Amino acid sequence: MSRTIMRAPNLDWTDPDCPVARTLDLVGDRWSILVIRDAMDGARSFTEFKRRTGIARNILTDRLRKLTAHGLLAQRTALSGRRQEYVLTDAGRDLFSIILTLRQWGERHAFAPGETHSTLVDQHGIPVPEIAPTSADGAPLDTDTTHVQKTR
């Protein structure tokens, strides 16, 4: 898996030593996450992103610029040759597990019992199973079995 170094020379990191904080600095607002979600679901054009999200044009323009500048999206000429489209980069695709985890959390906690919602399915139409982190030996991981080790 390739690693993309996402450096912005004038970006003031919220917490320069924390990967969670840096990630949130890059994609931590709802519009960025929804643009990435829709790109994963096949949206490519400005118009598609606007229609799917309902985002204001100026905010969408800003988020597309930001996500492109940080290497999560790339612009390319559409097959029609008439306009530019946005596609996920490897770094953008690497957000899949985050989007999936947010989705699964939302399915558990953001809907009333029995309330209908969309479902993520695999290529066979089968709902994607719940993901759970595990250690190298296969044991389940959670807040009681992990801790942050500072590098300094």
C-alpha atoms as a PDB file:
ATOM      1  CA  MET A   1       0.000   0.000   0.000  1.00  0.00           C
ATOM      2  CA  SER A   2       1.443   3.340  -0.995  1.00  0.00           C
ATOM      3  CA  ARG A   3       1.655   6.154   1.483  1.00  0.00           C
ATOM      4  CA  THR A   4       0.877   9.701   0.503  1.00  0.00           C
ATOM      5  CA  ILE A   5       2.547  12.463   2.458  1.00  0.00           C
ATOM      6  CA  MET A   6      -0.084  15.146   2.879  1.00  0.00           C
ATOM      7  CA  ARG A   7       1.738  18.278   3.843  1.00  0.00           C
ATOM      8  CA  ALA A   8       0.363  21.731   3.584  1.00  0.00           C
ATOM      9  CA  PRO A   9       3.095  24.289   4.224  1.00  0.00           C
ATOM     10  CA  ASN A  10       0.871  26.778   6.060  1.00  0.00           C
ATOM     11  CA  LEU A  11      -1.486  24.337   7.775  1.00  0.00           C
ATOM     12  CA  ASP A  12      -1.573  24.725  11.534  1.00  0.00           C
ATOM     13  CA  TRP A  13      -2.085  21.217  12.867  1.00  0.00           C
ATOM     14  CA  THR A  14      -4.503  21.016  15.783  1.00  0.00           C
ATOM     15  CA  ASP A  15      -2.184  18.528  17.505  1.00  0.00           C
ATOM     16  CA  PRO A  16       0.935  17.923  15.391  1.00  0.00           C
ATOM     17  CA  ASP A  17       1.848  14.627  17.096  1.00  0.00           C
ATOM     18  CA  CYS A  18      -1.594  12.978  16.922  1.00  0.00           C
ATOM     19  CA  PRO A  19      -2.634  11.031  13.799  1.00  0.00           C
ATOM     20  CA  VAL A  20      -6.332  11.380  14.755  1.00  0.00           C
ATOM     21  CA  ALA A  21      -6.065  15.169  15.011  1.00  0.00           C
ATOM     22  CA  ARG A  22      -4.158  15.437  11.726  1.00  0.00           C
ATOM     23  CA  THR A  23      -6.750  13.270   9.980  1.00  0.00           C
ATOM     24  CA  LEU A  24      -9.542  15.460  11.333  1.00  0.00           C
ATOM     25  CA  ASP A  25      -7.656  18.549  10.172  1.00  0.00           C
ATOM     26  CA  LEU A  26      -7.750  17.057   6.655  1.00  0.00           C
ATOM     27  CA  VAL A  27     -11.223  15.480   6.494  1.00  0.00           C
ATOM     28  CA  GLY A  28     -12.923  16.195   9.804  1.00  0.00           C
ATOM     29  CA  ASP A  29     -15.838  18.314   8.638  1.00  0.00           C
ATOM     30  CA  ARG A  30     -19.104  16.722   7.521  1.00  0.00           C
ATOM     31  CA  TRP A  31     -18.930  18.011   3.950  1.00  0.00           C
ATOM     32  CA  SER A  32     -15.497  16.511   3.282  1.00  0.00           C
ATOM     33  CA  ILE A  33     -16.612  13.132   4.595  1.00  0.00           C
ATOM     34  CA  LEU A  34     -19.821  13.258   2.531  1.00  0.00           C
ATOM     35  CA  VAL A  35     -17.880  14.170  -0.630  1.00  0.00           C
ATOM     36  CA  ILE A  36     -15.534  11.224  -0.016  1.00  0.00           C
ATOM     37  CA  ARG A  37     -18.553   8.963   0.684  1.00  0.00           C
ATOM     38  CA  ASP A  38     -20.175   9.979  -2.591  1.00  0.00           C
ATOM     39  CA  ALA A  39     -16.929   9.583  -4.540  1.00  0.00           C
ATOM     40  CA  MET A  40     -16.780   6.026  -3.172  1.00  0.00           C
ATOM     41  CA  ASP A  41     -20.325   5.553  -4.444  1.00  0.00           C
ATOM     42  CA  GLY A  42     -19.455   6.732  -7.969  1.00  0.00           C
ATOM     43  CA  ALA A  43     -19.964  10.513  -7.944  1.00  0.00           C
ATOM     44  CA  ARG A  44     -17.442  12.197 -10.235  1.00  0.00           C
ATOM     45  CA  SER A  45     -18.690  15.625 -11.278  1.00  0.00           C
ATOM     46  CA  PHE A  46     -19.274  18.837  -9.372  1.00  0.00           C
ATOM     47  CA  THR A  47     -22.955  18.585 -10.310  1.00  0.00           C
ATOM     48  CA  GLU A  48     -23.255  15.036  -8.948  1.00  0.00           C
ATOM     49  CA  PHE A  49     -21.650  15.984  -5.639  1.00  0.00           C
ATOM     50  CA  LYS A  50     -23.925  19.020  -5.342  1.00  0.00           C
ATOM     51  CA  ARG A  51     -27.058  17.008  -6.143  1.00  0.00           C
ATOM     52  CA  ARG A  52     -26.233  14.159  -3.773  1.00  0.00           C
ATOM     53  CA  THR A  53     -25.181  16.278  -0.791  1.00  0.00           C
ATOM     54  CA  GLY A  54     -27.201  19.473  -1.193  1.00  0.00           C
ATOM     55  CA  ILE A  55     -24.023  21.386  -0.332  1.00  0.00           C
ATOM     56  CA  ALA A  56     -23.746  25.061  -1.303  1.00  0.00           C
ATOM     57  CA  ARG A  57     -21.601  25.700  -4.412  1.00  0.00           C
ATOM     58  CA  ASN A  58     -18.979  27.759  -2.574  1.00  0.00           C
ATOM     59  CA  ILE A  59     -18.540  25.148   0.157  1.00  0.00           C
ATOM     60  CA  LEU A  60     -18.366  22.309  -2.374  1.00  0.00           C
ATOM     61  CA  THR A  61     -15.758  24.226  -4.390  1.00  0.00           C
ATOM     62  CA  ASP A  62     -13.705  24.717  -1.225  1.00  0.00           C
ATOM     63  CA  ARG A  63     -13.939  21.051  -0.166  1.00  0.00           C
ATOM     64  CA  LEU A  64     -13.077  19.716  -3.622  1.00  0.00           C
ATOM     65  CA  ARG A  65     -10.031  22.022  -3.727  1.00  0.00           C
ATOM     66  CA  LYS A  66      -8.960  20.974  -0.232  1.00  0.00           C
ATOM     67  CA  LEU A  67      -9.422  17.243  -0.868  1.00  0.00           C
ATOM     68  CA  THR A  68      -7.536  17.537  -4.159  1.00  0.00           C
ATOM     69  CA  ALA A  69      -4.724  19.625  -2.615  1.00  0.00           C
ATOM     70  CA  HIS A  70      -4.247  17.022   0.130  1.00  0.00           C
ATOM     71  CA  GLY A  71      -4.139  14.131  -2.317  1.00  0.00           C
ATOM     72  CA  LEU A  72      -7.464  12.457  -1.462  1.00  0.00           C
ATOM     73  CA  LEU A  73      -9.076  13.273  -4.804  1.00  0.00           C
ATOM     74  CA  ALA A  74      -7.511  13.855  -8.211  1.00  0.00           C
ATOM     75  CA  GLN A  75      -8.914  15.700 -11.203  1.00  0.00           C
ATOM     76  CA  ARG A  76      -8.912  14.171 -14.662  1.00  0.00           C
ATOM     77  CA  THR A  77     -10.620  14.849 -17.945  1.00  0.00           C
ATOM     78  CA  ALA A  78     -13.947  13.022 -18.199  1.00  0.00           C
ATOM     79  CA  LEU A  79     -14.403  10.464 -20.969  1.00  0.00           C
ATOM     80  CA  SER A  80     -16.558  12.982 -22.828  1.00  0.00           C
ATOM     81  CA  GLY A  81     -13.515  15.255 -22.942  1.00  0.00           C
ATOM     82  CA  ARG A  82     -15.703  18.248 -22.099  1.00  0.00           C
ATOM     83  CA  ARG A  83     -15.175  18.628 -18.377  1.00  0.00           C
ATOM     84  CA  GLN A  84     -13.086  17.664 -15.392  1.00  0.00           C
ATOM     85  CA  GLU A  85     -14.116  14.939 -12.994  1.00  0.00           C
ATOM     86  CA  TYR A  86     -12.936  13.949  -9.552  1.00  0.00           C
ATOM     87  CA  VAL A  87     -11.657  10.477  -8.682  1.00  0.00           C
ATOM     88  CA  LEU A  88     -10.403   8.980  -5.465  1.00  0.00           C
ATOM     89  CA  THR A  89      -6.660   8.548  -5.087  1.00  0.00           C
ATOM     90  CA  ASP A  90      -5.140   5.659  -3.149  1.00  0.00           C
ATOM     91  CA  ALA A  91      -5.195   7.889  -0.052  1.00  0.00           C
ATOM     92  CA  GLY A  92      -8.880   8.658  -0.651  1.00  0.00           C
ATOM     93  CA  ARG A  93      -9.715   4.964  -1.096  1.00  0.00           C
ATOM     94  CA  ASP A  94      -7.856   4.265   2.154  1.00  0.00           C
ATOM     95  CA  LEU A  95     -10.679   6.135   3.922  1.00  0.00           C
ATOM     96  CA  PHE A  96     -13.081   3.284   3.077  1.00  0.00           C
ATOM     97  CA  SER A  97     -12.708   1.609   6.462  1.00  0.00           C
ATOM     98  CA  ILE A  98     -13.379   4.936   8.205  1.00  0.00           C
ATOM     99  CA  ILE A  99     -16.530   5.537   6.153  1.00  0.00           C
ATOM    100  CA  LEU A 100     -17.598   1.940   6.798  1.00  0.00           C
ATOM    101  CA  THR A 101     -16.999   2.294  10.536  1.00  0.00           C
ATOM    102  CA  LEU A 102     -18.973   5.575  10.630  1.00  0.00           C
ATOM    103  CA  ARG A 103     -21.791   3.888   8.693  1.00  0.00           C
ATOM    104  CA  GLN A 104     -21.907   0.914  11.036  1.00  0.00           C
ATOM    105  CA  TRP A 105     -21.827   3.150  14.115  1.00  0.00           C
ATOM    106  CA  GLY A 106     -24.689   5.157  12.604  1.00  0.00           C
ATOM    107  CA  GLU A 107     -26.693   1.990  11.929  1.00  0.00           C
ATOM    108  CA  ARG A 108     -26.346   1.059  15.620  1.00  0.00           C
ATOM    109  CA  HIS A 109     -26.772   4.479  17.241  1.00  0.00           C
ATOM    110  CA  ALA A 110     -28.306   7.072  14.885  1.00  0.00           C
ATOM    111  CA  PHE A 111     -31.571   5.314  13.989  1.00  0.00           C
ATOM    112  CA  ALA A 112     -34.535   4.287  16.104  1.00  0.00           C
ATOM    113  CA  PRO A 113     -35.190   0.539  16.247  1.00  0.00           C
ATOM    114  CA  GLY A 114     -36.930  -0.499  13.032  1.00  0.00           C
ATOM    115  CA  GLU A 115     -36.247   2.828  11.297  1.00  0.00           C
ATOM    116  CA  THR A 116     -35.288   2.290   7.662  1.00  0.00           C
ATOM    117  CA  HIS A 117     -31.894   3.312   6.296  1.00  0.00           C
ATOM    118  CA  SER A 118     -29.622   2.518   3.372  1.00  0.00           C
ATOM    119  CA  THR A 119     -27.496  -0.603   3.504  1.00  0.00           C
ATOM    120  CA  LEU A 120     -23.976  -1.142   2.179  1.00  0.00           C
ATOM    121  CA  VAL A 121     -23.771  -4.408   0.252  1.00  0.00           C
ATOM    122  CA  ASP A 122     -20.926  -6.276  -1.429  1.00  0.00           C
ATOM    123  CA  GLN A 123     -20.723  -7.168  -5.133  1.00  0.00           C
ATOM    124  CA  HIS A 124     -23.150 -10.071  -4.517  1.00  0.00           C
ATOM    125  CA  GLY A 125     -25.786  -7.891  -2.848  1.00  0.00           C
ATOM    126  CA  ILE A 126     -25.008  -9.238   0.623  1.00  0.00           C
ATOM    127  CA  PRO A 127     -24.831  -6.701   3.481  1.00  0.00           C
ATOM    128  CA  VAL A 128     -21.263  -5.949   4.547  1.00  0.00           C
ATOM    129  CA  PRO A 129     -20.562  -7.639   7.891  1.00  0.00           C
ATOM    130  CA  GLU A 130     -19.749  -5.616  10.985  1.00  0.00           C
ATOM    131  CA  ILE A 131     -16.040  -4.874  11.311  1.00  0.00           C
ATOM    132  CA  ALA A 132     -14.191  -5.085  14.603  1.00  0.00           C
ATOM    133  CA  PRO A 133     -10.494  -4.387  15.238  1.00  0.00           C
ATOM    134  CA  THR A 134      -8.353  -7.259  16.439  1.00  0.00           C
ATOM    135  CA  SER A 135      -4.795  -7.568  17.703  1.00  0.00           C
ATOM    136  CA  ALA A 136      -2.040  -9.487  15.916  1.00  0.00           C
ATOM    137  CA  ASP A 137      -3.123 -12.630  17.811  1.00  0.00           C
ATOM    138  CA  GLY A 138      -6.795 -12.160  16.840  1.00  0.00           C
ATOM    139  CA  ALA A 139      -8.014 -10.879  20.208  1.00  0.00           C
ATOM    140  CA  PRO A 140     -10.660  -8.110  20.061  1.00  0.00           C
ATOM    141  CA  LEU A 141      -9.352  -4.570  20.614  1.00  0.00           C
ATOM    142  CA  ASP A 142     -11.193  -1.748  22.356  1.00  0.00           C
ATOM    143  CA  THR A 143     -10.492   1.170  24.687  1.00  0.00           C
ATOM    144  CA  ASP A 144      -9.712  -1.222  27.549  1.00  0.00           C
ATOM    145  CA  THR A 145      -7.092  -3.187  25.597  1.00  0.00           C
ATOM    146  CA  THR A 146      -5.182  -0.358  23.869  1.00  0.00           C
ATOM    147  CA  HIS A 147      -3.333   2.817  24.785  1.00  0.00           C
ATOM    148  CA  VAL A 148      -1.447   5.556  22.977  1.00  0.00           C
ATOM    149  CA  GLN A 149       2.338   5.332  23.148  1.00  0.00           C
ATOM    150  CA  LYS A 150       3.925   8.769  22.788  1.00  0.00           C
ATOM    151  CA  THR A 151       6.944   9.011  20.517  1.00  0.00           C
ATOM    152  CA  ARG A 152       8.808  11.653  22.512  1.00  0.00           C
END
